[in-house]
Amino acid sequence: MISFQVDDMTCGHCVSAITKAVHGVDTTARLQFDLATHRVDIEPGEADVIALGGAITEAGYTPVPIERPVSVAAIGATPERKACCCGQGGCA
């Protein structure tokens, strides 16, 4: 999932223009819009963040990529905790 903050996206016409622009570079992309927060979430099929952002920019908007936090589940590892933060093992 690639997300953009698009503060100048304010209405249904903006949604339509951005959808058309994104589908111009990635016909299989799935888009979700939140006009209240000016956020666009894109599940790309073939395009990357640069191509998608470029398409939105070419449509006349100012997309800012939103970095998604990496979760421990996404990394696939849970750190093994052998002792507490002070290294003594007596903390609760």
PDB file of N, CA and C in Angstrom:
ATOM      1  N   MET A   1       0.843  -1.177   0.000  1.00  0.00           N
ATOM      2  CA  MET A   1       0.000   0.000   0.000  1.00  0.00           C
ATOM      3  C   MET A   1       0.891   1.244   0.000  1.00  0.00           C
ATOM      4  N   ILE A   2       0.587   2.145  -0.885  1.00  0.00           N
ATOM      5  CA  ILE A   2       1.290   3.424  -0.973  1.00  0.00           C
ATOM      6  C   ILE A   2       0.292   4.506  -0.639  1.00  0.00           C
ATOM      7  N   SER A   3       0.655   5.398   0.266  1.00  0.00           N
ATOM      8  CA  SER A   3      -0.259   6.448   0.705  1.00  0.00           C
ATOM      9  C   SER A   3       0.332   7.819   0.433  1.00  0.00           C
ATOM     10  N   PHE A   4      -0.563   8.749   0.073  1.00  0.00           N
ATOM     11  CA  PHE A   4      -0.178  10.126  -0.172  1.00  0.00           C
ATOM     12  C   PHE A   4      -1.093  11.066   0.594  1.00  0.00           C
ATOM     13  N   GLN A   5      -0.523  12.130   1.091  1.00  0.00           N
ATOM     14  CA  GLN A   5      -1.276  13.263   1.627  1.00  0.00           C
ATOM     15  C   GLN A   5      -1.393  14.238   0.462  1.00  0.00           C
ATOM     16  N   VAL A   6      -2.629  14.568   0.094  1.00  0.00           N
ATOM     17  CA  VAL A   6      -2.860  15.474  -1.038  1.00  0.00           C
ATOM     18  C   VAL A   6      -3.768  16.594  -0.528  1.00  0.00           C
ATOM     19  N   ASP A   7      -3.165  17.605   0.073  1.00  0.00           N
ATOM     20  CA  ASP A   7      -3.934  18.659   0.730  1.00  0.00           C
ATOM     21  C   ASP A   7      -4.806  19.463  -0.222  1.00  0.00           C
ATOM     22  N   ASP A   8      -4.454  19.510  -1.505  1.00  0.00           N
ATOM     23  CA  ASP A   8      -5.283  20.253  -2.448  1.00  0.00           C
ATOM     24  C   ASP A   8      -6.352  19.393  -3.122  1.00  0.00           C
ATOM     25  N   MET A   9      -6.587  18.194  -2.625  1.00  0.00           N
ATOM     26  CA  MET A   9      -7.680  17.328  -3.061  1.00  0.00           C
ATOM     27  C   MET A   9      -8.874  17.622  -2.150  1.00  0.00           C
ATOM     28  N   THR A  10      -9.929  18.206  -2.720  1.00  0.00           N
ATOM     29  CA  THR A  10     -11.018  18.678  -1.867  1.00  0.00           C
ATOM     30  C   THR A  10     -12.414  18.193  -2.248  1.00  0.00           C
ATOM     31  N   CYS A  11     -12.568  17.531  -3.407  1.00  0.00           N
ATOM     32  CA  CYS A  11     -13.926  17.196  -3.840  1.00  0.00           C
ATOM     33  C   CYS A  11     -13.932  15.948  -4.725  1.00  0.00           C
ATOM     34  N   GLY A  12     -15.115  15.582  -5.157  1.00  0.00           N
ATOM     35  CA  GLY A  12     -15.274  14.427  -6.028  1.00  0.00           C
ATOM     36  C   GLY A  12     -14.580  14.591  -7.368  1.00  0.00           C
ATOM     37  N   HIS A  13     -14.524  15.815  -7.871  1.00  0.00           N
ATOM     38  CA  HIS A  13     -13.816  16.056  -9.124  1.00  0.00           C
ATOM     39  C   HIS A  13     -12.329  15.743  -8.951  1.00  0.00           C
ATOM     40  N   CYS A  14     -11.769  16.135  -7.816  1.00  0.00           N
ATOM     41  CA  CYS A  14     -10.359  15.836  -7.526  1.00  0.00           C
ATOM     42  C   CYS A  14     -10.145  14.322  -7.497  1.00  0.00           C
ATOM     43  N   VAL A  15     -11.055  13.600  -6.848  1.00  0.00           N
ATOM     44  CA  VAL A  15     -10.966  12.139  -6.767  1.00  0.00           C
ATOM     45  C   VAL A  15     -10.963  11.547  -8.170  1.00  0.00           C
ATOM     46  N   SER A  16     -11.855  12.030  -9.011  1.00  0.00           N
ATOM     47  CA  SER A  16     -11.947  11.536 -10.381  1.00  0.00           C
ATOM     48  C   SER A  16     -10.666  11.821 -11.169  1.00  0.00           C
ATOM     49  N   ALA A  17     -10.138  13.030 -11.035  1.00  0.00           N
ATOM     50  CA  ALA A  17      -8.921  13.401 -11.755  1.00  0.00           C
ATOM     51  C   ALA A  17      -7.726  12.571 -11.300  1.00  0.00           C
ATOM     52  N   ILE A  18      -7.605  12.346  -9.992  1.00  0.00           N
ATOM     53  CA  ILE A  18      -6.493  11.555  -9.464  1.00  0.00           C
ATOM     54  C   ILE A  18      -6.638  10.100  -9.883  1.00  0.00           C
ATOM     55  N   THR A  19      -7.853   9.581  -9.840  1.00  0.00           N
ATOM     56  CA  THR A  19      -8.089   8.196 -10.266  1.00  0.00           C
ATOM     57  C   THR A  19      -7.684   8.011 -11.722  1.00  0.00           C
ATOM     58  N   LYS A  20      -8.104   8.924 -12.574  1.00  0.00           N
ATOM     59  CA  LYS A  20      -7.761   8.847 -13.995  1.00  0.00           C
ATOM     60  C   LYS A  20      -6.250   8.926 -14.196  1.00  0.00           C
ATOM     61  N   ALA A  21      -5.586   9.815 -13.479  1.00  0.00           N
ATOM     62  CA  ALA A  21      -4.135   9.965 -13.599  1.00  0.00           C
ATOM     63  C   ALA A  21      -3.400   8.702 -13.166  1.00  0.00           C
ATOM     64  N   VAL A  22      -3.801   8.149 -12.026  1.00  0.00           N
ATOM     65  CA  VAL A  22      -3.147   6.932 -11.510  1.00  0.00           C
ATOM     66  C   VAL A  22      -3.377   5.772 -12.471  1.00  0.00           C
ATOM     67  N   HIS A  23      -4.598   5.629 -12.967  1.00  0.00           N
ATOM     68  CA  HIS A  23      -4.878   4.532 -13.898  1.00  0.00           C
ATOM     69  C   HIS A  23      -4.161   4.719 -15.232  1.00  0.00           C
ATOM     70  N   GLY A  24      -3.709   5.934 -15.503  1.00  0.00           N
ATOM     71  CA  GLY A  24      -2.904   6.167 -16.698  1.00  0.00           C
ATOM     72  C   GLY A  24      -1.527   5.532 -16.617  1.00  0.00           C
ATOM     73  N   VAL A  25      -1.014   5.338 -15.405  1.00  0.00           N
ATOM     74  CA  VAL A  25       0.301   4.704 -15.237  1.00  0.00           C
ATOM     75  C   VAL A  25       0.203   3.298 -14.661  1.00  0.00           C
ATOM     76  N   ASP A  26      -0.978   2.952 -14.115  1.00  0.00           N
ATOM     77  CA  ASP A  26      -1.164   1.630 -13.511  1.00  0.00           C
ATOM     78  C   ASP A  26      -2.643   1.274 -13.594  1.00  0.00           C
ATOM     79  N   THR A  27      -3.017   0.575 -14.646  1.00  0.00           N
ATOM     80  CA  THR A  27      -4.435   0.284 -14.897  1.00  0.00           C
ATOM     81  C   THR A  27      -5.065  -0.625 -13.852  1.00  0.00           C
ATOM     82  N   THR A  28      -4.267  -1.370 -13.118  1.00  0.00           N
ATOM     83  CA  THR A  28      -4.826  -2.300 -12.129  1.00  0.00           C
ATOM     84  C   THR A  28      -4.769  -1.763 -10.699  1.00  0.00           C
ATOM     85  N   ALA A  29      -4.299  -0.539 -10.525  1.00  0.00           N
ATOM     86  CA  ALA A  29      -4.199   0.038  -9.176  1.00  0.00           C
ATOM     87  C   ALA A  29      -5.585   0.182  -8.566  1.00  0.00           C
ATOM     88  N   ARG A  30      -5.666  -0.061  -7.259  1.00  0.00           N
ATOM     89  CA  ARG A  30      -6.904   0.158  -6.510  1.00  0.00           C
ATOM     90  C   ARG A  30      -6.681   1.340  -5.592  1.00  0.00           C
ATOM     91  N   LEU A  31      -7.622   2.276  -5.606  1.00  0.00           N
ATOM     92  CA  LEU A  31      -7.482   3.511  -4.844  1.00  0.00           C
ATOM     93  C   LEU A  31      -8.569   3.627  -3.797  1.00  0.00           C
ATOM     94  N   GLN A  32      -8.204   4.207  -2.653  1.00  0.00           N
ATOM     95  CA  GLN A  32      -9.152   4.552  -1.594  1.00  0.00           C
ATOM     96  C   GLN A  32      -8.874   5.996  -1.223  1.00  0.00           C
ATOM     97  N   PHE A  33      -9.943   6.769  -1.092  1.00  0.00           N
ATOM     98  CA  PHE A  33      -9.814   8.189  -0.803  1.00  0.00           C
ATOM     99  C   PHE A  33     -10.472   8.534   0.519  1.00  0.00           C
ATOM    100  N   ASP A  34      -9.875   9.470   1.224  1.00  0.00           N
ATOM    101  CA  ASP A  34     -10.472  10.057   2.417  1.00  0.00           C
ATOM    102  C   ASP A  34     -10.369  11.569   2.246  1.00  0.00           C
ATOM    103  N   LEU A  35     -11.458  12.169   1.755  1.00  0.00           N
ATOM    104  CA  LEU A  35     -11.446  13.608   1.509  1.00  0.00           C
ATOM    105  C   LEU A  35     -11.281  14.414   2.788  1.00  0.00           C
ATOM    106  N   ALA A  36     -11.807  13.909   3.899  1.00  0.00           N
ATOM    107  CA  ALA A  36     -11.724  14.648   5.162  1.00  0.00           C
ATOM    108  C   ALA A  36     -10.279  14.841   5.611  1.00  0.00           C
ATOM    109  N   THR A  37      -9.442  13.838   5.366  1.00  0.00           N
ATOM    110  CA  THR A  37      -8.037  13.932   5.774  1.00  0.00           C
ATOM    111  C   THR A  37      -7.102  14.187   4.593  1.00  0.00           C
ATOM    112  N   HIS A  38      -7.676  14.268   3.383  1.00  0.00           N
ATOM    113  CA  HIS A  38      -6.906  14.518   2.155  1.00  0.00           C
ATOM    114  C   HIS A  38      -5.889  13.407   1.898  1.00  0.00           C
ATOM    115  N   ARG A  39      -6.318  12.181   2.099  1.00  0.00           N
ATOM    116  CA  ARG A  39      -5.425  11.034   1.972  1.00  0.00           C
ATOM    117  C   ARG A  39      -5.869  10.127   0.831  1.00  0.00           C
ATOM    118  N   VAL A  40      -4.884   9.633   0.091  1.00  0.00           N
ATOM    119  CA  VAL A  40      -5.116   8.662  -0.973  1.00  0.00           C
ATOM    120  C   VAL A  40      -4.274   7.432  -0.657  1.00  0.00           C
ATOM    121  N   ASP A  41      -4.911   6.281  -0.573  1.00  0.00           N
ATOM    122  CA  ASP A  41      -4.207   5.012  -0.394  1.00  0.00           C
ATOM    123  C   ASP A  41      -4.310   4.248  -1.706  1.00  0.00           C
ATOM    124  N   ILE A  42      -3.182   3.784  -2.199  1.00  0.00           N
ATOM    125  CA  ILE A  42      -3.142   3.096  -3.486  1.00  0.00           C
ATOM    126  C   ILE A  42      -2.515   1.723  -3.306  1.00  0.00           C
ATOM    127  N   GLU A  43      -3.227   0.721  -3.786  1.00  0.00           N
ATOM    128  CA  GLU A  43      -2.682  -0.636  -3.865  1.00  0.00           C
ATOM    129  C   GLU A  43      -2.230  -0.799  -5.310  1.00  0.00           C
ATOM    130  N   PRO A  44      -0.929  -0.624  -5.577  1.00  0.00           N
ATOM    131  CA  PRO A  44      -0.470  -0.635  -6.963  1.00  0.00           C
ATOM    132  C   PRO A  44      -0.448  -2.041  -7.550  1.00  0.00           C
ATOM    133  N   GLY A  45      -0.594  -2.084  -8.863  1.00  0.00           N
ATOM    134  CA  GLY A  45      -0.445  -3.340  -9.572  1.00  0.00           C
ATOM    135  C   GLY A  45       0.952  -3.462 -10.147  1.00  0.00           C
ATOM    136  N   GLU A  46       1.433  -2.361 -10.732  1.00  0.00           N
ATOM    137  CA  GLU A  46       2.732  -2.418 -11.400  1.00  0.00           C
ATOM    138  C   GLU A  46       3.584  -1.174 -11.196  1.00  0.00           C
ATOM    139  N   ALA A  47       2.999  -0.068 -10.785  1.00  0.00           N
ATOM    140  CA  ALA A  47       3.744   1.199 -10.658  1.00  0.00           C
ATOM    141  C   ALA A  47       4.332   1.345  -9.252  1.00  0.00           C
ATOM    142  N   ASP A  48       5.390   2.148  -9.163  1.00  0.00           N
ATOM    143  CA  ASP A  48       6.008   2.417  -7.868  1.00  0.00           C
ATOM    144  C   ASP A  48       5.593   3.796  -7.365  1.00  0.00           C
ATOM    145  N   VAL A  49       6.066   4.154  -6.187  1.00  0.00           N
ATOM    146  CA  VAL A  49       5.686   5.411  -5.548  1.00  0.00           C
ATOM    147  C   VAL A  49       6.070   6.616  -6.405  1.00  0.00           C
ATOM    148  N   ILE A  50       7.175   6.532  -7.107  1.00  0.00           N
ATOM    149  CA  ILE A  50       7.618   7.659  -7.946  1.00  0.00           C
ATOM    150  C   ILE A  50       6.668   7.859  -9.119  1.00  0.00           C
ATOM    151  N   ALA A  51       6.312   6.773  -9.800  1.00  0.00           N
ATOM    152  CA  ALA A  51       5.398   6.874 -10.941  1.00  0.00           C
ATOM    153  C   ALA A  51       4.015   7.347 -10.503  1.00  0.00           C
ATOM    154  N   LEU A  52       3.531   6.826  -9.385  1.00  0.00           N
ATOM    155  CA  LEU A  52       2.206   7.214  -8.893  1.00  0.00           C
ATOM    156  C   LEU A  52       2.180   8.671  -8.466  1.00  0.00           C
ATOM    157  N   GLY A  53       3.189   9.085  -7.715  1.00  0.00           N
ATOM    158  CA  GLY A  53       3.279  10.477  -7.297  1.00  0.00           C
ATOM    159  C   GLY A  53       3.418  11.413  -8.486  1.00  0.00           C
ATOM    160  N   GLY A  54       4.188  11.000  -9.481  1.00  0.00           N
ATOM    161  CA  GLY A  54       4.357  11.794 -10.688  1.00  0.00           C
ATOM    162  C   GLY A  54       3.052  11.962 -11.450  1.00  0.00           C
ATOM    163  N   ALA A  55       2.257  10.897 -11.507  1.00  0.00           N
ATOM    164  CA  ALA A  55       0.970  10.970 -12.199  1.00  0.00           C
ATOM    165  C   ALA A  55       0.034  11.940 -11.482  1.00  0.00           C
ATOM    166  N   ILE A  56       0.021  11.893 -10.158  1.00  0.00           N
ATOM    167  CA  ILE A  56      -0.831  12.800  -9.383  1.00  0.00           C
ATOM    168  C   ILE A  56      -0.364  14.239  -9.558  1.00  0.00           C
ATOM    169  N   THR A  57       0.934  14.447  -9.584  1.00  0.00           N
ATOM    170  CA  THR A  57       1.492  15.782  -9.804  1.00  0.00           C
ATOM    171  C   THR A  57       1.114  16.296 -11.192  1.00  0.00           C
ATOM    172  N   GLU A  58       1.237  15.451 -12.200  1.00  0.00           N
ATOM    173  CA  GLU A  58       0.886  15.840 -13.571  1.00  0.00           C
ATOM    174  C   GLU A  58      -0.596  16.208 -13.682  1.00  0.00           C
ATOM    175  N   ALA A  59      -1.427  15.646 -12.815  1.00  0.00           N
ATOM    176  CA  ALA A  59      -2.857  15.966 -12.817  1.00  0.00           C
ATOM    177  C   ALA A  59      -3.132  17.304 -12.137  1.00  0.00           C
ATOM    178  N   GLY A  60      -2.092  17.914 -11.558  1.00  0.00           N
ATOM    179  CA  GLY A  60      -2.233  19.237 -10.970  1.00  0.00           C
ATOM    180  C   GLY A  60      -2.323  19.276  -9.454  1.00  0.00           C
ATOM    181  N   TYR A  61      -1.950  18.189  -8.798  1.00  0.00           N
ATOM    182  CA  TYR A  61      -2.039  18.115  -7.336  1.00  0.00           C
ATOM    183  C   TYR A  61      -0.643  17.991  -6.734  1.00  0.00           C
ATOM    184  N   THR A  62      -0.573  18.126  -5.422  1.00  0.00           N
ATOM    185  CA  THR A  62       0.714  18.074  -4.724  1.00  0.00           C
ATOM    186  C   THR A  62       0.741  16.907  -3.736  1.00  0.00           C
ATOM    187  N   PRO A  63       1.052  15.708  -4.226  1.00  0.00           N
ATOM    188  CA  PRO A  63       1.091  14.547  -3.347  1.00  0.00           C
ATOM    189  C   PRO A  63       2.353  14.511  -2.487  1.00  0.00           C
ATOM    190  N   VAL A  64       2.178  14.158  -1.236  1.00  0.00           N
ATOM    191  CA  VAL A  64       3.310  13.967  -0.329  1.00  0.00           C
ATOM    192  C   VAL A  64       3.223  12.529   0.183  1.00  0.00           C
ATOM    193  N   PRO A  65       4.222  11.712  -0.114  1.00  0.00           N
ATOM    194  CA  PRO A  65       4.173  10.319   0.354  1.00  0.00           C
ATOM    195  C   PRO A  65       4.097  10.258   1.883  1.00  0.00           C
ATOM    196  N   ILE A  66       3.277   9.351   2.363  1.00  0.00           N
ATOM    197  CA  ILE A  66       3.154   9.113   3.802  1.00  0.00           C
ATOM    198  C   ILE A  66       3.925   7.848   4.108  1.00  0.00           C
ATOM    199  N   GLU A  67       4.898   7.972   4.973  1.00  0.00           N
ATOM    200  CA  GLU A  67       5.679   6.798   5.376  1.00  0.00           C
ATOM    201  C   GLU A  67       4.849   5.948   6.319  1.00  0.00           C
ATOM    202  N   ARG A  68       4.821   4.680   6.053  1.00  0.00           N
ATOM    203  CA  ARG A  68       4.079   3.758   6.903  1.00  0.00           C
ATOM    204  C   ARG A  68       5.039   3.154   7.925  1.00  0.00           C
ATOM    205  N   PRO A  69       4.642   3.130   9.190  1.00  0.00           N
ATOM    206  CA  PRO A  69       5.523   2.533  10.194  1.00  0.00           C
ATOM    207  C   PRO A  69       5.677   1.036   9.949  1.00  0.00           C
ATOM    208  N   VAL A  70       6.858   0.546  10.222  1.00  0.00           N
ATOM    209  CA  VAL A  70       7.128  -0.878  10.069  1.00  0.00           C
ATOM    210  C   VAL A  70       6.766  -1.580  11.370  1.00  0.00           C
ATOM    211  N   SER A  71       5.936  -2.580  11.270  1.00  0.00           N
ATOM    212  CA  SER A  71       5.545  -3.318  12.464  1.00  0.00           C
ATOM    213  C   SER A  71       6.469  -4.506  12.672  1.00  0.00           C
ATOM    214  N   VAL A  72       6.492  -5.016  13.874  1.00  0.00           N
ATOM    215  CA  VAL A  72       7.304  -6.204  14.180  1.00  0.00           C
ATOM    216  C   VAL A  72       6.814  -7.375  13.345  1.00  0.00           C
ATOM    217  N   ALA A  73       5.505  -7.480  13.133  1.00  0.00           N
ATOM    218  CA  ALA A  73       4.957  -8.570  12.325  1.00  0.00           C
ATOM    219  C   ALA A  73       5.460  -8.488  10.890  1.00  0.00           C
ATOM    220  N   ALA A  74       5.590  -7.268  10.353  1.00  0.00           N
ATOM    221  CA  ALA A  74       6.070  -7.109   8.989  1.00  0.00           C
ATOM    222  C   ALA A  74       7.524  -7.530   8.865  1.00  0.00           C
ATOM    223  N   ILE A  75       8.297  -7.323   9.916  1.00  0.00           N
ATOM    224  CA  ILE A  75       9.704  -7.710   9.908  1.00  0.00           C
ATOM    225  C   ILE A  75       9.823  -9.225  10.041  1.00  0.00           C
ATOM    226  N   GLY A  76       8.883  -9.816  10.768  1.00  0.00           N
ATOM    227  CA  GLY A  76       8.877 -11.265  10.911  1.00  0.00           C
ATOM    228  C   GLY A  76       9.683 -11.776  12.081  1.00  0.00           C
ATOM    229  N   ALA A  77      10.023 -10.929  13.019  1.00  0.00           N
ATOM    230  CA  ALA A  77      10.814 -11.368  14.163  1.00  0.00           C
ATOM    231  C   ALA A  77      10.364 -10.625  15.409  1.00  0.00           C
ATOM    232  N   THR A  78      10.383 -11.337  16.505  1.00  0.00           N
ATOM    233  CA  THR A  78      10.118 -10.738  17.797  1.00  0.00           C
ATOM    234  C   THR A  78      11.401 -10.858  18.604  1.00  0.00           C
ATOM    235  N   PRO A  79      11.924  -9.750  19.086  1.00  0.00           N
ATOM    236  CA  PRO A  79      13.182  -9.836  19.824  1.00  0.00           C
ATOM    237  C   PRO A  79      13.022 -10.671  21.091  1.00  0.00           C
ATOM    238  N   GLU A  80      14.000 -11.496  21.336  1.00  0.00           N
ATOM    239  CA  GLU A  80      13.990 -12.306  22.545  1.00  0.00           C
ATOM    240  C   GLU A  80      14.511 -11.457  23.688  1.00  0.00           C
ATOM    241  N   ARG A  81      13.756 -11.401  24.760  1.00  0.00           N
ATOM    242  CA  ARG A  81      14.136 -10.570  25.895  1.00  0.00           C
ATOM    243  C   ARG A  81      14.662 -11.477  27.010  1.00  0.00           C
ATOM    244  N   LYS A  82      15.949 -11.418  27.252  1.00  0.00           N
ATOM    245  CA  LYS A  82      16.571 -12.275  28.254  1.00  0.00           C
ATOM    246  C   LYS A  82      16.689 -11.605  29.600  1.00  0.00           C
ATOM    247  N   ALA A  83      16.714 -10.291  29.631  1.00  0.00           N
ATOM    248  CA  ALA A  83      16.855  -9.562  30.879  1.00  0.00           C
ATOM    249  C   ALA A  83      16.105  -8.248  30.743  1.00  0.00           C
ATOM    250  N   CYS A  84      15.997  -7.529  31.829  1.00  0.00           N
ATOM    251  CA  CYS A  84      15.324  -6.226  31.745  1.00  0.00           C
ATOM    252  C   CYS A  84      16.270  -5.199  31.137  1.00  0.00           C
ATOM    253  N   CYS A  85      15.796  -3.983  31.065  1.00  0.00           N
ATOM    254  CA  CYS A  85      16.561  -2.918  30.391  1.00  0.00           C
ATOM    255  C   CYS A  85      17.916  -2.658  31.072  1.00  0.00           C
ATOM    256  N   CYS A  86      18.040  -2.909  32.389  1.00  0.00           N
ATOM    257  CA  CYS A  86      19.308  -2.659  33.064  1.00  0.00           C
ATOM    258  C   CYS A  86      20.235  -3.871  32.988  1.00  0.00           C
ATOM    259  N   GLY A  87      19.733  -4.985  32.408  1.00  0.00           N
ATOM    260  CA  GLY A  87      20.570  -6.158  32.221  1.00  0.00           C
ATOM    261  C   GLY A  87      20.656  -7.082  33.430  1.00  0.00           C
ATOM    262  N   GLN A  88      19.956  -6.763  34.499  1.00  0.00           N
ATOM    263  CA  GLN A  88      20.042  -7.563  35.715  1.00  0.00           C
ATOM    264  C   GLN A  88      19.015  -8.687  35.767  1.00  0.00           C
ATOM    265  N   GLY A  89      17.910  -8.544  35.037  1.00  0.00           N
ATOM    266  CA  GLY A  89      16.912  -9.609  35.012  1.00  0.00           C
ATOM    267  C   GLY A  89      15.938  -9.572  36.171  1.00  0.00           C
ATOM    268  N   GLY A  90      16.076  -8.627  37.100  1.00  0.00           N
ATOM    269  CA  GLY A  90      15.198  -8.599  38.262  1.00  0.00           C
ATOM    270  C   GLY A  90      14.017  -7.665  38.127  1.00  0.00           C
ATOM    271  N   CYS A  91      13.928  -6.911  37.065  1.00  0.00           N
ATOM    272  CA  CYS A  91      12.818  -5.980  36.895  1.00  0.00           C
ATOM    273  C   CYS A  91      11.549  -6.721  36.503  1.00  0.00           C
ATOM    274  N   ALA A  92      10.453  -6.152  36.849  1.00  0.00           N
ATOM    275  CA  ALA A  92       9.188  -6.788  36.492  1.00  0.00           C
ATOM    276  C   ALA A  92       8.718  -6.366  35.134  1.00  0.00           C
TER     277      ALA A  92
END
